[in-house]
């Protein structure tokens, strides 16, 4: 599902449009991670907690103190 579709769903469910970040330029998963990193760094710098999910049942919190980089799930 594209980022714009998820954005529309979030807005329908009451998430303010100005807090949603969409990465829609990538052609593959690796590019998606690379192009999303600025959004993640922005959130971490603001002190927000980020949840990364590979499968709906795999959730883990990425805390600002954990590592300096991110790796896609394999």
PDB file of N, CA and C in Angstrom:
ATOM      1  N   UNK A   1       0.849  -1.180   0.000  1.00  0.00           N
ATOM      2  CA  UNK A   1       0.000   0.000   0.000  1.00  0.00           C
ATOM      3  C   UNK A   1       0.893   1.241   0.000  1.00  0.00           C
ATOM      4  N   UNK A   2       0.537   2.222  -0.763  1.00  0.00           N
ATOM      5  CA  UNK A   2       1.390   3.401  -0.868  1.00  0.00           C
ATOM      6  C   UNK A   2       1.281   4.299   0.355  1.00  0.00           C
ATOM      7  N   UNK A   3       2.296   5.120   0.528  1.00  0.00           N
ATOM      8  CA  UNK A   3       2.319   6.056   1.641  1.00  0.00           C
ATOM      9  C   UNK A   3       1.144   7.019   1.624  1.00  0.00           C
ATOM     10  N   UNK A   4       0.730   7.431   0.444  1.00  0.00           N
ATOM     11  CA  UNK A   4      -0.394   8.364   0.337  1.00  0.00           C
ATOM     12  C   UNK A   4      -1.704   7.712   0.776  1.00  0.00           C
ATOM     13  N   UNK A   5      -1.849   6.413   0.506  1.00  0.00           N
ATOM     14  CA  UNK A   5      -3.051   5.689   0.943  1.00  0.00           C
ATOM     15  C   UNK A   5      -3.073   5.609   2.462  1.00  0.00           C
ATOM     16  N   UNK A   6      -1.931   5.243   3.067  1.00  0.00           N
ATOM     17  CA  UNK A   6      -1.852   5.190   4.529  1.00  0.00           C
ATOM     18  C   UNK A   6      -2.081   6.572   5.135  1.00  0.00           C
ATOM     19  N   UNK A   7      -1.547   7.604   4.498  1.00  0.00           N
ATOM     20  CA  UNK A   7      -1.748   8.978   4.982  1.00  0.00           C
ATOM     21  C   UNK A   7      -3.239   9.302   5.031  1.00  0.00           C
ATOM     22  N   UNK A   8      -3.952   8.978   3.960  1.00  0.00           N
ATOM     23  CA  UNK A   8      -5.393   9.238   3.911  1.00  0.00           C
ATOM     24  C   UNK A   8      -6.129   8.470   5.006  1.00  0.00           C
ATOM     25  N   UNK A   9      -5.730   7.215   5.238  1.00  0.00           N
ATOM     26  CA  UNK A   9      -6.358   6.422   6.302  1.00  0.00           C
ATOM     27  C   UNK A   9      -6.116   7.041   7.676  1.00  0.00           C
ATOM     28  N   UNK A  10      -4.893   7.506   7.910  1.00  0.00           N
ATOM     29  CA  UNK A  10      -4.580   8.138   9.194  1.00  0.00           C
ATOM     30  C   UNK A  10      -5.400   9.406   9.401  1.00  0.00           C
ATOM     31  N   UNK A  11      -5.525  10.204   8.356  1.00  0.00           N
ATOM     32  CA  UNK A  11      -6.311  11.439   8.452  1.00  0.00           C
ATOM     33  C   UNK A  11      -7.779  11.104   8.724  1.00  0.00           C
ATOM     34  N   UNK A  12      -8.306  10.077   8.042  1.00  0.00           N
ATOM     35  CA  UNK A  12      -9.686   9.641   8.292  1.00  0.00           C
ATOM     36  C   UNK A  12      -9.899   9.256   9.752  1.00  0.00           C
ATOM     37  N   UNK A  13      -8.843   8.738  10.367  1.00  0.00           N
ATOM     38  CA  UNK A  13      -8.946   8.271  11.749  1.00  0.00           C
ATOM     39  C   UNK A  13      -8.554   9.342  12.766  1.00  0.00           C
ATOM     40  N   UNK A  14      -8.381  10.574  12.288  1.00  0.00           N
ATOM     41  CA  UNK A  14      -8.187  11.682  13.206  1.00  0.00           C
ATOM     42  C   UNK A  14      -6.770  12.157  13.439  1.00  0.00           C
ATOM     43  N   UNK A  15      -5.795  11.593  12.735  1.00  0.00           N
ATOM     44  CA  UNK A  15      -4.416  12.055  12.889  1.00  0.00           C
ATOM     45  C   UNK A  15      -4.270  13.358  12.102  1.00  0.00           C
ATOM     46  N   UNK A  16      -3.753  14.414  12.741  1.00  0.00           N
ATOM     47  CA  UNK A  16      -3.588  15.688  12.030  1.00  0.00           C
ATOM     48  C   UNK A  16      -2.626  15.542  10.844  1.00  0.00           C
ATOM     49  N   UNK A  17      -3.012  16.064   9.699  1.00  0.00           N
ATOM     50  CA  UNK A  17      -2.210  15.932   8.480  1.00  0.00           C
ATOM     51  C   UNK A  17      -0.800  16.481   8.645  1.00  0.00           C
ATOM     52  N   UNK A  18      -0.634  17.542   9.449  1.00  0.00           N
ATOM     53  CA  UNK A  18       0.684  18.172   9.567  1.00  0.00           C
ATOM     54  C   UNK A  18       1.686  17.361  10.378  1.00  0.00           C
ATOM     55  N   UNK A  19       1.271  16.280  11.012  1.00  0.00           N
ATOM     56  CA  UNK A  19       2.224  15.452  11.758  1.00  0.00           C
ATOM     57  C   UNK A  19       2.570  14.158  11.013  1.00  0.00           C
ATOM     58  N   UNK A  20       1.985  13.957   9.854  1.00  0.00           N
ATOM     59  CA  UNK A  20       2.223  12.737   9.077  1.00  0.00           C
ATOM     60  C   UNK A  20       3.364  12.981   8.099  1.00  0.00           C
ATOM     61  N   UNK A  21       4.339  12.076   8.092  1.00  0.00           N
ATOM     62  CA  UNK A  21       5.457  12.142   7.153  1.00  0.00           C
ATOM     63  C   UNK A  21       5.312  10.981   6.172  1.00  0.00           C
ATOM     64  N   UNK A  22       5.416  11.259   4.887  1.00  0.00           N
ATOM     65  CA  UNK A  22       5.263  10.223   3.866  1.00  0.00           C
ATOM     66  C   UNK A  22       6.518  10.167   3.010  1.00  0.00           C
ATOM     67  N   UNK A  23       7.063   8.975   2.856  1.00  0.00           N
ATOM     68  CA  UNK A  23       8.188   8.748   1.949  1.00  0.00           C
ATOM     69  C   UNK A  23       7.604   8.006   0.754  1.00  0.00           C
ATOM     70  N   UNK A  24       7.559   8.655  -0.397  1.00  0.00           N
ATOM     71  CA  UNK A  24       6.938   8.025  -1.562  1.00  0.00           C
ATOM     72  C   UNK A  24       7.813   8.075  -2.821  1.00  0.00           C
ATOM     73  N   UNK A  25       9.124   8.211  -2.615  1.00  0.00           N
ATOM     74  CA  UNK A  25      10.043   8.275  -3.760  1.00  0.00           C
ATOM     75  C   UNK A  25      10.814   6.981  -3.979  1.00  0.00           C
ATOM     76  N   UNK A  26      10.793   6.063  -3.015  1.00  0.00           N
ATOM     77  CA  UNK A  26      11.627   4.869  -3.102  1.00  0.00           C
ATOM     78  C   UNK A  26      11.093   3.864  -4.118  1.00  0.00           C
ATOM     79  N   UNK A  27      12.034   3.091  -4.677  1.00  0.00           N
ATOM     80  CA  UNK A  27      11.684   2.041  -5.626  1.00  0.00           C
ATOM     81  C   UNK A  27      11.804   0.656  -5.002  1.00  0.00           C
ATOM     82  N   UNK A  28      12.428   0.587  -3.805  1.00  0.00           N
ATOM     83  CA  UNK A  28      12.585  -0.698  -3.127  1.00  0.00           C
ATOM     84  C   UNK A  28      12.694  -0.460  -1.619  1.00  0.00           C
ATOM     85  N   UNK A  29      12.738  -1.537  -0.866  1.00  0.00           N
ATOM     86  CA  UNK A  29      12.755  -1.436   0.596  1.00  0.00           C
ATOM     87  C   UNK A  29      13.991  -0.707   1.095  1.00  0.00           C
ATOM     88  N   UNK A  30      15.149  -0.996   0.509  1.00  0.00           N
ATOM     89  CA  UNK A  30      16.381  -0.343   0.961  1.00  0.00           C
ATOM     90  C   UNK A  30      16.284   1.174   0.779  1.00  0.00           C
ATOM     91  N   UNK A  31      15.824   1.609  -0.388  1.00  0.00           N
ATOM     92  CA  UNK A  31      15.654   3.044  -0.620  1.00  0.00           C
ATOM     93  C   UNK A  31      14.629   3.635   0.342  1.00  0.00           C
ATOM     94  N   UNK A  32      13.586   2.871   0.650  1.00  0.00           N
ATOM     95  CA  UNK A  32      12.576   3.351   1.585  1.00  0.00           C
ATOM     96  C   UNK A  32      13.203   3.670   2.929  1.00  0.00           C
ATOM     97  N   UNK A  33      14.085   2.792   3.406  1.00  0.00           N
ATOM     98  CA  UNK A  33      14.769   3.027   4.679  1.00  0.00           C
ATOM     99  C   UNK A  33      15.665   4.254   4.571  1.00  0.00           C
ATOM    100  N   UNK A  34      16.472   4.320   3.517  1.00  0.00           N
ATOM    101  CA  UNK A  34      17.379   5.461   3.353  1.00  0.00           C
ATOM    102  C   UNK A  34      16.626   6.796   3.292  1.00  0.00           C
ATOM    103  N   UNK A  35      15.530   6.829   2.558  1.00  0.00           N
ATOM    104  CA  UNK A  35      14.782   8.076   2.388  1.00  0.00           C
ATOM    105  C   UNK A  35      13.924   8.421   3.601  1.00  0.00           C
ATOM    106  N   UNK A  36      13.625   7.427   4.433  1.00  0.00           N
ATOM    107  CA  UNK A  36      12.841   7.676   5.650  1.00  0.00           C
ATOM    108  C   UNK A  36      13.719   8.095   6.827  1.00  0.00           C
ATOM    109  N   UNK A  37      15.022   7.860   6.758  1.00  0.00           N
ATOM    110  CA  UNK A  37      15.914   8.205   7.873  1.00  0.00           C
ATOM    111  C   UNK A  37      15.805   9.661   8.325  1.00  0.00           C
ATOM    112  N   UNK A  38      15.705  10.638   7.428  1.00  0.00           N
ATOM    113  CA  UNK A  38      15.542  12.018   7.914  1.00  0.00           C
ATOM    114  C   UNK A  38      14.291  12.198   8.778  1.00  0.00           C
ATOM    115  N   UNK A  39      13.201  11.520   8.437  1.00  0.00           N
ATOM    116  CA  UNK A  39      11.981  11.596   9.249  1.00  0.00           C
ATOM    117  C   UNK A  39      12.219  10.992  10.628  1.00  0.00           C
ATOM    118  N   UNK A  40      12.926   9.853  10.649  1.00  0.00           N
ATOM    119  CA  UNK A  40      13.208   9.183  11.923  1.00  0.00           C
ATOM    120  C   UNK A  40      14.130  10.031  12.792  1.00  0.00           C
ATOM    121  N   UNK A  41      15.150  10.607  12.180  1.00  0.00           N
ATOM    122  CA  UNK A  41      16.069  11.470  12.942  1.00  0.00           C
ATOM    123  C   UNK A  41      15.342  12.693  13.499  1.00  0.00           C
ATOM    124  N   UNK A  42      14.431  13.259  12.719  1.00  0.00           N
ATOM    125  CA  UNK A  42      13.627  14.400  13.166  1.00  0.00           C
ATOM    126  C   UNK A  42      12.794  14.015  14.393  1.00  0.00           C
ATOM    127  N   UNK A  43      12.173  12.856  14.343  1.00  0.00           N
ATOM    128  CA  UNK A  43      11.344  12.397  15.465  1.00  0.00           C
ATOM    129  C   UNK A  43      12.189  12.135  16.705  1.00  0.00           C
ATOM    130  N   UNK A  44      13.338  11.482  16.530  1.00  0.00           N
ATOM    131  CA  UNK A  44      14.216  11.198  17.674  1.00  0.00           C
ATOM    132  C   UNK A  44      14.745  12.489  18.282  1.00  0.00           C
ATOM    133  N   UNK A  45      15.098  13.460  17.432  1.00  0.00           N
ATOM    134  CA  UNK A  45      15.603  14.743  17.936  1.00  0.00           C
ATOM    135  C   UNK A  45      14.535  15.472  18.746  1.00  0.00           C
ATOM    136  N   UNK A  46      13.272  15.236  18.411  1.00  0.00           N
ATOM    137  CA  UNK A  46      12.163  15.859  19.137  1.00  0.00           C
ATOM    138  C   UNK A  46      11.805  15.082  20.400  1.00  0.00           C
ATOM    139  N   UNK A  47      12.525  13.964  20.644  1.00  0.00           N
ATOM    140  CA  UNK A  47      12.269  13.173  21.842  1.00  0.00           C
ATOM    141  C   UNK A  47      11.120  12.194  21.721  1.00  0.00           C
ATOM    142  N   UNK A  48      10.681  11.931  20.496  1.00  0.00           N
ATOM    143  CA  UNK A  48       9.578  10.993  20.293  1.00  0.00           C
ATOM    144  C   UNK A  48      10.078   9.555  20.280  1.00  0.00           C
ATOM    145  N   UNK A  49       9.233   8.631  20.676  1.00  0.00           N
ATOM    146  CA  UNK A  49       9.537   7.205  20.593  1.00  0.00           C
ATOM    147  C   UNK A  49       9.068   6.705  19.237  1.00  0.00           C
ATOM    148  N   UNK A  50       9.885   5.873  18.614  1.00  0.00           N
ATOM    149  CA  UNK A  50       9.558   5.318  17.305  1.00  0.00           C
ATOM    150  C   UNK A  50       9.318   3.830  17.467  1.00  0.00           C
ATOM    151  N   UNK A  51       8.284   3.323  16.834  1.00  0.00           N
ATOM    152  CA  UNK A  51       8.030   1.891  16.832  1.00  0.00           C
ATOM    153  C   UNK A  51       8.291   1.367  15.432  1.00  0.00           C
ATOM    154  N   UNK A  52       9.155   0.370  15.327  1.00  0.00           N
ATOM    155  CA  UNK A  52       9.463  -0.249  14.044  1.00  0.00           C
ATOM    156  C   UNK A  52       8.773  -1.603  13.979  1.00  0.00           C
ATOM    157  N   UNK A  53       8.132  -1.877  12.863  1.00  0.00           N
ATOM    158  CA  UNK A  53       7.385  -3.123  12.722  1.00  0.00           C
ATOM    159  C   UNK A  53       7.761  -3.791  11.408  1.00  0.00           C
ATOM    160  N   UNK A  54       8.167  -5.063  11.497  1.00  0.00           N
ATOM    161  CA  UNK A  54       8.409  -5.864  10.299  1.00  0.00           C
ATOM    162  C   UNK A  54       7.154  -6.668   9.965  1.00  0.00           C
ATOM    163  N   UNK A  55       6.554  -7.213  10.950  1.00  0.00           N
ATOM    164  CA  UNK A  55       5.280  -7.919  10.848  1.00  0.00           C
ATOM    165  C   UNK A  55       4.389  -7.329  11.926  1.00  0.00           C
ATOM    166  N   UNK A  56       3.102  -7.424  11.793  1.00  0.00           N
ATOM    167  CA  UNK A  56       2.200  -6.805  12.762  1.00  0.00           C
ATOM    168  C   UNK A  56       2.458  -7.301  14.170  1.00  0.00           C
ATOM    169  N   UNK A  57       2.989  -8.513  14.313  1.00  0.00           N
ATOM    170  CA  UNK A  57       3.229  -9.077  15.643  1.00  0.00           C
ATOM    171  C   UNK A  57       4.660  -8.856  16.123  1.00  0.00           C
ATOM    172  N   UNK A  58       5.482  -8.213  15.324  1.00  0.00           N
ATOM    173  CA  UNK A  58       6.857  -7.888  15.713  1.00  0.00           C
ATOM    174  C   UNK A  58       6.956  -6.395  15.973  1.00  0.00           C
ATOM    175  N   UNK A  59       6.845  -6.013  17.230  1.00  0.00           N
ATOM    176  CA  UNK A  59       6.978  -4.587  17.549  1.00  0.00           C
ATOM    177  C   UNK A  59       8.145  -4.407  18.501  1.00  0.00           C
ATOM    178  N   UNK A  60       8.873  -3.351  18.307  1.00  0.00           N
ATOM    179  CA  UNK A  60       9.944  -3.030  19.251  1.00  0.00           C
ATOM    180  C   UNK A  60      10.105  -1.519  19.251  1.00  0.00           C
ATOM    181  N   UNK A  61      10.419  -0.996  20.386  1.00  0.00           N
ATOM    182  CA  UNK A  61      10.634   0.450  20.478  1.00  0.00           C
ATOM    183  C   UNK A  61      12.089   0.751  20.167  1.00  0.00           C
ATOM    184  N   UNK A  62      12.310   1.776  19.398  1.00  0.00           N
ATOM    185  CA  UNK A  62      13.665   2.245  19.130  1.00  0.00           C
ATOM    186  C   UNK A  62      13.858   3.475  19.999  1.00  0.00           C
ATOM    187  N   UNK A  63      14.692   3.352  20.980  1.00  0.00           N
ATOM    188  CA  UNK A  63      14.918   4.444  21.919  1.00  0.00           C
ATOM    189  C   UNK A  63      16.092   5.279  21.421  1.00  0.00           C
ATOM    190  N   UNK A  64      16.074   6.578  21.635  1.00  0.00           N
ATOM    191  CA  UNK A  64      17.160   7.433  21.144  1.00  0.00           C
ATOM    192  C   UNK A  64      18.552   6.993  21.602  1.00  0.00           C
ATOM    193  N   UNK A  65      18.646   6.295  22.714  1.00  0.00           N
ATOM    194  CA  UNK A  65      19.961   5.883  23.218  1.00  0.00           C
ATOM    195  C   UNK A  65      20.461   4.602  22.561  1.00  0.00           C
ATOM    196  N   UNK A  66      19.641   3.948  21.780  1.00  0.00           N
ATOM    197  CA  UNK A  66      20.025   2.677  21.180  1.00  0.00           C
ATOM    198  C   UNK A  66      20.632   2.928  19.810  1.00  0.00           C
ATOM    199  N   UNK A  67      21.934   2.705  19.695  1.00  0.00           N
ATOM    200  CA  UNK A  67      22.622   2.791  18.414  1.00  0.00           C
ATOM    201  C   UNK A  67      22.533   4.145  17.731  1.00  0.00           C
ATOM    202  N   UNK A  68      23.230   4.254  16.635  1.00  0.00           N
ATOM    203  CA  UNK A  68      23.198   5.492  15.860  1.00  0.00           C
ATOM    204  C   UNK A  68      22.587   5.271  14.483  1.00  0.00           C
ATOM    205  N   UNK A  69      22.425   4.026  14.082  1.00  0.00           N
ATOM    206  CA  UNK A  69      21.878   3.744  12.754  1.00  0.00           C
ATOM    207  C   UNK A  69      20.734   2.759  12.839  1.00  0.00           C
ATOM    208  N   UNK A  70      20.126   2.493  11.703  1.00  0.00           N
ATOM    209  CA  UNK A  70      19.014   1.563  11.629  1.00  0.00           C
ATOM    210  C   UNK A  70      19.312   0.528  10.562  1.00  0.00           C
ATOM    211  N   UNK A  71      18.813  -0.677  10.767  1.00  0.00           N
ATOM    212  CA  UNK A  71      18.942  -1.728   9.771  1.00  0.00           C
ATOM    213  C   UNK A  71      17.559  -2.247   9.428  1.00  0.00           C
ATOM    214  N   UNK A  72      17.279  -2.478   8.156  1.00  0.00           N
ATOM    215  CA  UNK A  72      15.983  -3.059   7.815  1.00  0.00           C
ATOM    216  C   UNK A  72      15.904  -4.480   8.337  1.00  0.00           C
ATOM    217  N   UNK A  73      14.724  -4.953   8.622  1.00  0.00           N
ATOM    218  CA  UNK A  73      14.532  -6.321   9.117  1.00  0.00           C
ATOM    219  C   UNK A  73      14.854  -7.294   8.001  1.00  0.00           C
ATOM    220  N   UNK A  74      15.431  -8.417   8.373  1.00  0.00           N
ATOM    221  CA  UNK A  74      15.775  -9.417   7.362  1.00  0.00           C
ATOM    222  C   UNK A  74      15.069 -10.706   7.572  1.00  0.00           C
TER     223      UNK A  74
END
